[in-house]
Protein backbone atom coordinates (compact mmCIF):
# COMPACT_ATOMS: atom_id res chain seq x y z
CA UNK A 1 0.00 0.00 0.00
CA UNK A 2 2.98 2.29 -0.46
CA UNK A 3 1.24 4.12 -3.34
CA UNK A 4 -1.78 4.89 -1.13
CA UNK A 5 0.50 6.31 1.59
CA UNK A 6 2.35 8.36 -1.04
CA UNK A 7 -0.97 9.55 -2.41
CA UNK A 8 -2.22 10.77 0.98
CA UNK A 9 1.05 12.54 1.76
CA UNK A 10 1.26 14.12 -1.70
CA UNK A 11 -2.39 15.18 -1.62
CA UNK A 12 -1.86 16.99 1.68
CA UNK A 13 1.17 18.76 0.21
CA UNK A 14 -0.71 19.76 -2.92
CA UNK A 15 -3.65 21.31 -1.08
CA UNK A 16 -5.11 23.78 -3.56
CA UNK A 17 -2.47 23.05 -6.16
CA UNK A 18 -4.70 21.28 -8.63
CA UNK A 19 -6.25 24.51 -9.78
CA UNK A 20 -3.87 26.30 -12.08
CA UNK A 21 -4.05 29.12 -14.55
CA UNK A 22 -5.91 32.35 -14.67
CA UNK A 23 -9.60 32.77 -14.19
CA UNK A 24 -11.30 34.17 -17.23
CA UNK A 25 -14.55 36.01 -16.56
CA UNK A 26 -17.25 36.81 -19.05
CA UNK A 27 -16.60 39.93 -21.11
CA UNK A 28 -18.48 43.04 -20.14
CA UNK A 29 -20.59 44.68 -22.79
CA UNK A 30 -19.49 47.94 -24.38
CA UNK A 31 -20.05 51.01 -22.24
CA UNK A 32 -20.01 49.11 -18.97
CA UNK A 33 -17.23 49.69 -16.49
CA UNK A 34 -14.55 47.07 -16.11
CA UNK A 35 -15.08 44.04 -13.92
CA UNK A 36 -12.49 43.22 -11.28
CA UNK A 37 -12.17 39.44 -11.50
CA UNK A 38 -12.93 37.07 -8.61
CA UNK A 39 -9.87 35.77 -6.78
CA UNK A 40 -9.80 32.19 -5.50
CA UNK A 41 -9.08 31.72 -1.82
CA UNK A 42 -6.26 29.23 -2.30
CA UNK A 43 -6.27 27.96 1.27
CA UNK A 44 -9.84 26.81 0.71
CA UNK A 45 -9.16 24.76 -2.44
CA UNK A 46 -9.24 21.02 -2.05
CA UNK A 47 -10.08 18.85 -5.03
CA UNK A 48 -9.40 15.16 -4.58
CA UNK A 49 -7.12 13.43 -7.08
CA UNK A 50 -8.90 10.15 -7.94
CA UNK A 51 -6.90 7.38 -6.29
CA UNK A 52 -7.31 4.94 -9.19
CA UNK A 53 -5.76 7.44 -11.61
CA UNK A 54 -3.07 8.41 -9.10
CA UNK A 55 -1.97 4.78 -8.78
CA UNK A 56 -1.73 4.52 -12.58
CA UNK A 57 0.28 7.77 -12.80
CA UNK A 58 -2.37 9.28 -15.07
CA UNK A 59 -2.52 13.08 -15.25
CA UNK A 60 -5.02 15.36 -16.92
CA UNK A 61 -6.94 18.61 -16.96
CA UNK A 62 -10.63 19.41 -16.79
CA UNK A 63 -11.80 22.85 -17.87
CA UNK A 64 -14.79 24.14 -15.92
CA UNK A 65 -17.17 27.08 -16.21
CA UNK A 66 -18.00 28.19 -12.69
CA UNK A 67 -20.50 30.82 -11.56
CA UNK A 68 -19.10 32.77 -8.64
CA UNK A 69 -21.83 34.62 -6.75
CA UNK A 70 -21.62 38.08 -5.26
CA UNK A 71 -20.81 36.40 -1.92
CA UNK A 72 -17.87 34.47 -3.41
CA UNK A 73 -19.56 31.08 -3.31
CA UNK A 74 -19.92 28.79 -6.32
CA UNK A 75 -23.52 28.10 -7.26
CA UNK A 76 -23.16 26.45 -10.69
CA UNK A 77 -20.49 24.33 -12.37
CA UNK A 78 -20.35 23.13 -15.98
CA UNK A 79 -17.70 21.07 -17.73
CA UNK A 80 -16.31 23.21 -20.55
CA UNK A 81 -13.52 20.83 -21.59
CA UNK A 82 -13.45 17.14 -20.70
CA UNK A 83 -10.22 15.50 -19.54
CA UNK A 84 -10.93 12.16 -21.18
CA UNK A 85 -11.31 10.55 -17.75
CA UNK A 86 -14.69 10.50 -16.06
CA UNK A 87 -13.03 10.31 -12.61
CA UNK A 88 -11.08 13.56 -13.21
CA UNK A 89 -14.15 15.36 -14.52
CA UNK A 90 -16.32 14.19 -11.61
CA UNK A 91 -13.67 15.13 -9.03
CA UNK A 92 -13.26 18.57 -10.60
CA UNK A 93 -16.99 19.29 -10.53
CA UNK A 94 -17.42 17.95 -6.98
CA UNK A 95 -14.47 19.96 -5.70
CA UNK A 96 -15.40 23.16 -7.51
CA UNK A 97 -18.80 23.33 -5.83
CA UNK A 98 -17.08 23.94 -2.49
CA UNK A 99 -14.57 26.57 -3.65
CA UNK A 100 -14.61 30.07 -2.21
CA UNK A 101 -13.55 33.31 -3.88
CA UNK A 102 -13.21 36.96 -3.16
CA UNK A 103 -16.09 37.97 -5.45
CA UNK A 104 -15.87 39.97 -8.63
CA UNK A 105 -16.68 43.66 -8.42
CA UNK A 106 -17.82 46.39 -10.77
CA UNK A 107 -17.75 50.01 -9.61
CA UNK A 108 -16.97 48.79 -6.09
CA UNK A 109 -20.07 46.56 -5.93
CA UNK A 110 -19.89 42.80 -5.65
CA UNK A 111 -21.36 40.95 -8.62
CA UNK A 112 -21.81 37.37 -9.76
CA UNK A 113 -19.87 36.24 -12.83
CA UNK A 114 -19.05 33.12 -14.81
CA UNK A 115 -15.36 32.21 -14.91
CA UNK A 116 -13.38 29.57 -16.75
CA UNK A 117 -11.40 27.46 -14.33
CA UNK A 118 -8.78 24.90 -15.40
CA UNK A 119 -8.33 22.04 -12.93
CA UNK A 120 -4.96 20.33 -13.43
CA UNK A 121 -4.42 16.87 -11.99
CA UNK A 122 -0.66 16.36 -11.80
CA UNK A 123 1.60 14.29 -9.60
CA UNK A 124 4.43 16.76 -10.03
CA UNK A 125 4.78 19.35 -7.26
CA UNK A 126 4.47 23.02 -8.06
CA UNK A 127 7.84 24.73 -8.55
CA UNK A 128 7.25 27.01 -5.54
CA UNK A 129 6.65 24.02 -3.21
CA UNK A 130 9.82 22.07 -4.07
CA UNK A 131 12.56 22.01 -1.43
C-alpha atoms as a PDB file:
ATOM      1  CA  UNK A   1       0.000   0.000   0.000  1.00  0.00           C
ATOM      2  CA  UNK A   2       2.977   2.292  -0.463  1.00  0.00           C
ATOM      3  CA  UNK A   3       1.236   4.117  -3.339  1.00  0.00           C
ATOM      4  CA  UNK A   4      -1.777   4.887  -1.132  1.00  0.00           C
ATOM      5  CA  UNK A   5       0.499   6.309   1.587  1.00  0.00           C
ATOM      6  CA  UNK A   6       2.345   8.357  -1.039  1.00  0.00           C
ATOM      7  CA  UNK A   7      -0.975   9.554  -2.407  1.00  0.00           C
ATOM      8  CA  UNK A   8      -2.221  10.772   0.975  1.00  0.00           C
ATOM      9  CA  UNK A   9       1.047  12.539   1.761  1.00  0.00           C
ATOM     10  CA  UNK A  10       1.258  14.120  -1.698  1.00  0.00           C
ATOM     11  CA  UNK A  11      -2.394  15.183  -1.616  1.00  0.00           C
ATOM     12  CA  UNK A  12      -1.857  16.988   1.682  1.00  0.00           C
ATOM     13  CA  UNK A  13       1.172  18.759   0.210  1.00  0.00           C
ATOM     14  CA  UNK A  14      -0.714  19.755  -2.923  1.00  0.00           C
ATOM     15  CA  UNK A  15      -3.651  21.313  -1.084  1.00  0.00           C
ATOM     16  CA  UNK A  16      -5.111  23.784  -3.561  1.00  0.00           C
ATOM     17  CA  UNK A  17      -2.467  23.047  -6.163  1.00  0.00           C
ATOM     18  CA  UNK A  18      -4.704  21.277  -8.632  1.00  0.00           C
ATOM     19  CA  UNK A  19      -6.255  24.513  -9.777  1.00  0.00           C
ATOM     20  CA  UNK A  20      -3.873  26.296 -12.078  1.00  0.00           C
ATOM     21  CA  UNK A  21      -4.050  29.122 -14.545  1.00  0.00           C
ATOM     22  CA  UNK A  22      -5.905  32.351 -14.665  1.00  0.00           C
ATOM     23  CA  UNK A  23      -9.603  32.774 -14.193  1.00  0.00           C
ATOM     24  CA  UNK A  24     -11.302  34.169 -17.234  1.00  0.00           C
ATOM     25  CA  UNK A  25     -14.546  36.011 -16.563  1.00  0.00           C
ATOM     26  CA  UNK A  26     -17.249  36.808 -19.050  1.00  0.00           C
ATOM     27  CA  UNK A  27     -16.603  39.931 -21.107  1.00  0.00           C
ATOM     28  CA  UNK A  28     -18.478  43.041 -20.137  1.00  0.00           C
ATOM     29  CA  UNK A  29     -20.591  44.677 -22.795  1.00  0.00           C
ATOM     30  CA  UNK A  30     -19.493  47.940 -24.377  1.00  0.00           C
ATOM     31  CA  UNK A  31     -20.049  51.012 -22.236  1.00  0.00           C
ATOM     32  CA  UNK A  32     -20.009  49.114 -18.971  1.00  0.00           C
ATOM     33  CA  UNK A  33     -17.234  49.692 -16.490  1.00  0.00           C
ATOM     34  CA  UNK A  34     -14.545  47.070 -16.109  1.00  0.00           C
ATOM     35  CA  UNK A  35     -15.082  44.037 -13.917  1.00  0.00           C
ATOM     36  CA  UNK A  36     -12.492  43.218 -11.284  1.00  0.00           C
ATOM     37  CA  UNK A  37     -12.174  39.437 -11.501  1.00  0.00           C
ATOM     38  CA  UNK A  38     -12.935  37.068  -8.614  1.00  0.00           C
ATOM     39  CA  UNK A  39      -9.873  35.769  -6.779  1.00  0.00           C
ATOM     40  CA  UNK A  40      -9.796  32.185  -5.500  1.00  0.00           C
ATOM     41  CA  UNK A  41      -9.081  31.716  -1.816  1.00  0.00           C
ATOM     42  CA  UNK A  42      -6.261  29.229  -2.303  1.00  0.00           C
ATOM     43  CA  UNK A  43      -6.274  27.962   1.274  1.00  0.00           C
ATOM     44  CA  UNK A  44      -9.842  26.811   0.715  1.00  0.00           C
ATOM     45  CA  UNK A  45      -9.163  24.762  -2.438  1.00  0.00           C
ATOM     46  CA  UNK A  46      -9.236  21.018  -2.054  1.00  0.00           C
ATOM     47  CA  UNK A  47     -10.081  18.852  -5.033  1.00  0.00           C
ATOM     48  CA  UNK A  48      -9.402  15.164  -4.578  1.00  0.00           C
ATOM     49  CA  UNK A  49      -7.120  13.432  -7.079  1.00  0.00           C
ATOM     50  CA  UNK A  50      -8.904  10.154  -7.941  1.00  0.00           C
ATOM     51  CA  UNK A  51      -6.896   7.383  -6.286  1.00  0.00           C
ATOM     52  CA  UNK A  52      -7.315   4.940  -9.186  1.00  0.00           C
ATOM     53  CA  UNK A  53      -5.757   7.442 -11.612  1.00  0.00           C
ATOM     54  CA  UNK A  54      -3.068   8.409  -9.098  1.00  0.00           C
ATOM     55  CA  UNK A  55      -1.974   4.776  -8.775  1.00  0.00           C
ATOM     56  CA  UNK A  56      -1.733   4.519 -12.578  1.00  0.00           C
ATOM     57  CA  UNK A  57       0.278   7.772 -12.797  1.00  0.00           C
ATOM     58  CA  UNK A  58      -2.366   9.283 -15.071  1.00  0.00           C
ATOM     59  CA  UNK A  59      -2.517  13.080 -15.247  1.00  0.00           C
ATOM     60  CA  UNK A  60      -5.022  15.359 -16.917  1.00  0.00           C
ATOM     61  CA  UNK A  61      -6.939  18.605 -16.956  1.00  0.00           C
ATOM     62  CA  UNK A  62     -10.626  19.408 -16.789  1.00  0.00           C
ATOM     63  CA  UNK A  63     -11.800  22.845 -17.871  1.00  0.00           C
ATOM     64  CA  UNK A  64     -14.788  24.141 -15.924  1.00  0.00           C
ATOM     65  CA  UNK A  65     -17.171  27.076 -16.211  1.00  0.00           C
ATOM     66  CA  UNK A  66     -18.003  28.194 -12.687  1.00  0.00           C
ATOM     67  CA  UNK A  67     -20.499  30.823 -11.562  1.00  0.00           C
ATOM     68  CA  UNK A  68     -19.099  32.772  -8.642  1.00  0.00           C
ATOM     69  CA  UNK A  69     -21.834  34.616  -6.751  1.00  0.00           C
ATOM     70  CA  UNK A  70     -21.616  38.081  -5.257  1.00  0.00           C
ATOM     71  CA  UNK A  71     -20.812  36.405  -1.922  1.00  0.00           C
ATOM     72  CA  UNK A  72     -17.866  34.473  -3.405  1.00  0.00           C
ATOM     73  CA  UNK A  73     -19.561  31.075  -3.314  1.00  0.00           C
ATOM     74  CA  UNK A  74     -19.920  28.788  -6.322  1.00  0.00           C
ATOM     75  CA  UNK A  75     -23.522  28.098  -7.259  1.00  0.00           C
ATOM     76  CA  UNK A  76     -23.157  26.449 -10.695  1.00  0.00           C
ATOM     77  CA  UNK A  77     -20.486  24.332 -12.370  1.00  0.00           C
ATOM     78  CA  UNK A  78     -20.351  23.128 -15.982  1.00  0.00           C
ATOM     79  CA  UNK A  79     -17.703  21.072 -17.733  1.00  0.00           C
ATOM     80  CA  UNK A  80     -16.314  23.210 -20.548  1.00  0.00           C
ATOM     81  CA  UNK A  81     -13.515  20.826 -21.585  1.00  0.00           C
ATOM     82  CA  UNK A  82     -13.453  17.137 -20.699  1.00  0.00           C
ATOM     83  CA  UNK A  83     -10.221  15.498 -19.539  1.00  0.00           C
ATOM     84  CA  UNK A  84     -10.934  12.161 -21.180  1.00  0.00           C
ATOM     85  CA  UNK A  85     -11.306  10.548 -17.747  1.00  0.00           C
ATOM     86  CA  UNK A  86     -14.689  10.497 -16.059  1.00  0.00           C
ATOM     87  CA  UNK A  87     -13.026  10.307 -12.614  1.00  0.00           C
ATOM     88  CA  UNK A  88     -11.084  13.562 -13.210  1.00  0.00           C
ATOM     89  CA  UNK A  89     -14.150  15.356 -14.522  1.00  0.00           C
ATOM     90  CA  UNK A  90     -16.322  14.190 -11.609  1.00  0.00           C
ATOM     91  CA  UNK A  91     -13.674  15.126  -9.027  1.00  0.00           C
ATOM     92  CA  UNK A  92     -13.257  18.575 -10.605  1.00  0.00           C
ATOM     93  CA  UNK A  93     -16.994  19.291 -10.527  1.00  0.00           C
ATOM     94  CA  UNK A  94     -17.419  17.946  -6.983  1.00  0.00           C
ATOM     95  CA  UNK A  95     -14.466  19.961  -5.703  1.00  0.00           C
ATOM     96  CA  UNK A  96     -15.397  23.164  -7.512  1.00  0.00           C
ATOM     97  CA  UNK A  97     -18.802  23.331  -5.830  1.00  0.00           C
ATOM     98  CA  UNK A  98     -17.075  23.942  -2.494  1.00  0.00           C
ATOM     99  CA  UNK A  99     -14.567  26.565  -3.654  1.00  0.00           C
ATOM    100  CA  UNK A 100     -14.615  30.065  -2.208  1.00  0.00           C
ATOM    101  CA  UNK A 101     -13.546  33.309  -3.885  1.00  0.00           C
ATOM    102  CA  UNK A 102     -13.213  36.962  -3.159  1.00  0.00           C
ATOM    103  CA  UNK A 103     -16.093  37.972  -5.447  1.00  0.00           C
ATOM    104  CA  UNK A 104     -15.866  39.972  -8.634  1.00  0.00           C
ATOM    105  CA  UNK A 105     -16.684  43.661  -8.418  1.00  0.00           C
ATOM    106  CA  UNK A 106     -17.819  46.392 -10.768  1.00  0.00           C
ATOM    107  CA  UNK A 107     -17.750  50.007  -9.610  1.00  0.00           C
ATOM    108  CA  UNK A 108     -16.970  48.786  -6.092  1.00  0.00           C
ATOM    109  CA  UNK A 109     -20.069  46.560  -5.930  1.00  0.00           C
ATOM    110  CA  UNK A 110     -19.889  42.801  -5.649  1.00  0.00           C
ATOM    111  CA  UNK A 111     -21.357  40.950  -8.622  1.00  0.00           C
ATOM    112  CA  UNK A 112     -21.812  37.365  -9.756  1.00  0.00           C
ATOM    113  CA  UNK A 113     -19.868  36.244 -12.828  1.00  0.00           C
ATOM    114  CA  UNK A 114     -19.048  33.120 -14.806  1.00  0.00           C
ATOM    115  CA  UNK A 115     -15.362  32.212 -14.914  1.00  0.00           C
ATOM    116  CA  UNK A 116     -13.380  29.568 -16.746  1.00  0.00           C
ATOM    117  CA  UNK A 117     -11.399  27.458 -14.330  1.00  0.00           C
ATOM    118  CA  UNK A 118      -8.782  24.903 -15.397  1.00  0.00           C
ATOM    119  CA  UNK A 119      -8.329  22.043 -12.929  1.00  0.00           C
ATOM    120  CA  UNK A 120      -4.965  20.335 -13.429  1.00  0.00           C
ATOM    121  CA  UNK A 121      -4.422  16.866 -11.988  1.00  0.00           C
ATOM    122  CA  UNK A 122      -0.664  16.364 -11.799  1.00  0.00           C
ATOM    123  CA  UNK A 123       1.598  14.286  -9.601  1.00  0.00           C
ATOM    124  CA  UNK A 124       4.434  16.762 -10.029  1.00  0.00           C
ATOM    125  CA  UNK A 125       4.776  19.353  -7.255  1.00  0.00           C
ATOM    126  CA  UNK A 126       4.470  23.022  -8.062  1.00  0.00           C
ATOM    127  CA  UNK A 127       7.842  24.734  -8.552  1.00  0.00           C
ATOM    128  CA  UNK A 128       7.251  27.008  -5.539  1.00  0.00           C
ATOM    129  CA  UNK A 129       6.652  24.025  -3.207  1.00  0.00           C
ATOM    130  CA  UNK A 130       9.824  22.071  -4.067  1.00  0.00           C
ATOM    131  CA  UNK A 131      12.563  22.007  -1.432  1.00  0.00           C
END
